[in-house]
Protein backbone atom coordinates (compact mmCIF):
# COMPACT_ATOMS: atom_id res chain seq x y z
CA UNK A 1 70.04 95.95 120.86
CA UNK A 2 72.10 92.95 120.00
CA UNK A 3 74.65 92.82 117.11
CA UNK A 4 74.57 95.18 114.26
CA UNK A 5 71.96 96.36 111.75
CA UNK A 6 72.81 97.14 108.17
CA UNK A 7 70.87 99.82 106.26
CA UNK A 8 71.52 100.42 102.64
CA UNK A 9 70.22 102.74 99.90
CA UNK A 10 71.28 102.55 96.31
CA UNK A 11 70.10 105.50 94.22
CA UNK A 12 68.64 105.09 90.73
CA UNK A 13 71.59 107.16 89.53
CA UNK A 14 73.70 104.09 90.06
CA UNK A 15 71.82 102.23 87.37
CA UNK A 16 68.82 100.06 86.66
CA UNK A 17 67.29 97.75 89.24
CA UNK A 18 69.39 94.76 88.28
CA UNK A 19 72.62 96.71 88.83
CA UNK A 20 71.32 98.27 92.07
CA UNK A 21 70.37 94.92 93.38
CA UNK A 22 73.83 93.56 92.51
CA UNK A 23 75.44 96.29 94.59
CA UNK A 24 73.03 95.44 97.44
CA UNK A 25 73.76 91.76 97.23
CA UNK A 26 77.63 92.14 97.25
CA UNK A 27 77.69 94.57 100.14
CA UNK A 28 75.20 92.45 102.12
CA UNK A 29 77.34 89.36 101.50
CA UNK A 30 80.43 91.19 102.68
CA UNK A 31 78.76 92.11 106.02
CA UNK A 32 77.43 88.55 106.36
CA UNK A 33 80.91 87.04 105.95
CA UNK A 34 82.59 89.55 108.19
CA UNK A 35 79.94 89.88 111.02
CA UNK A 36 82.39 88.36 113.52
CA UNK A 37 84.46 91.44 113.20
CA UNK A 38 81.62 93.64 114.47
CA UNK A 39 81.07 92.87 118.16
CA UNK A 40 79.31 96.04 119.05
CA UNK A 41 75.65 97.04 118.77
CA UNK A 42 75.84 99.30 115.75
CA UNK A 43 73.62 100.67 113.05
CA UNK A 44 75.57 100.74 109.82
CA UNK A 45 74.31 102.75 106.88
CA UNK A 46 75.80 102.24 103.45
CA UNK A 47 75.21 104.70 100.59
CA UNK A 48 77.38 103.87 97.50
CA UNK A 49 78.80 106.73 95.48
CA UNK A 50 77.16 107.73 92.23
CA UNK A 51 80.55 107.25 90.52
CA UNK A 52 80.47 103.60 91.42
CA UNK A 53 80.47 101.33 88.40
CA UNK A 54 77.96 98.63 89.41
CA UNK A 55 79.18 96.32 86.64
CA UNK A 56 82.65 96.16 88.11
CA UNK A 57 81.73 95.73 91.78
CA UNK A 58 82.88 92.47 93.28
CA UNK A 59 83.84 91.15 96.71
CA UNK A 60 87.45 92.22 96.29
CA UNK A 61 86.49 95.91 95.71
CA UNK A 62 84.04 95.83 98.64
CA UNK A 63 86.68 94.26 100.92
CA UNK A 64 89.21 96.88 99.86
CA UNK A 65 86.78 99.72 100.83
CA UNK A 66 85.21 98.30 103.96
CA UNK A 67 87.84 96.19 105.79
CA UNK A 68 89.82 99.33 106.87
CA UNK A 69 86.50 100.77 108.25
CA UNK A 70 85.76 97.61 110.13
CA UNK A 71 89.21 97.46 111.59
CA UNK A 72 88.83 101.11 112.74
CA UNK A 73 85.50 100.24 114.31
CA UNK A 74 87.21 97.31 116.18
CA UNK A 75 89.92 99.70 117.56
CA UNK A 76 87.37 102.32 118.86
CA UNK A 77 86.83 102.01 122.49
CA UNK A 78 83.13 102.64 122.31
CA UNK A 79 82.12 106.06 123.69
CA UNK A 80 80.03 108.12 121.26
CA UNK A 81 79.31 107.96 117.61
CA UNK A 82 82.16 108.15 115.13
CA UNK A 83 82.11 109.10 111.53
CA UNK A 84 83.80 106.30 109.72
CA UNK A 85 82.90 107.13 106.12
CA UNK A 86 84.38 105.09 103.35
CA UNK A 87 84.82 106.46 99.87
CA UNK A 88 82.71 103.44 98.55
């Protein structure tokens, strides 16, 4: 396996389809812009919290939540799976 794979599920509890798609687009764009930070073959699964307000999600919020996780992934020395859950 080469690079990383991104899996995402956004529950209907987050909102209607337009809002769920917005969450998906913003998160997908974050990982597209920061793919250089992920140099390992990983499967990344993102499940947003129900308490997330999809109308207020923007790149700044996603970066605030995911950049610390990506930096922790970069520091890991590779052996075994780690639980790097973010509150997002």
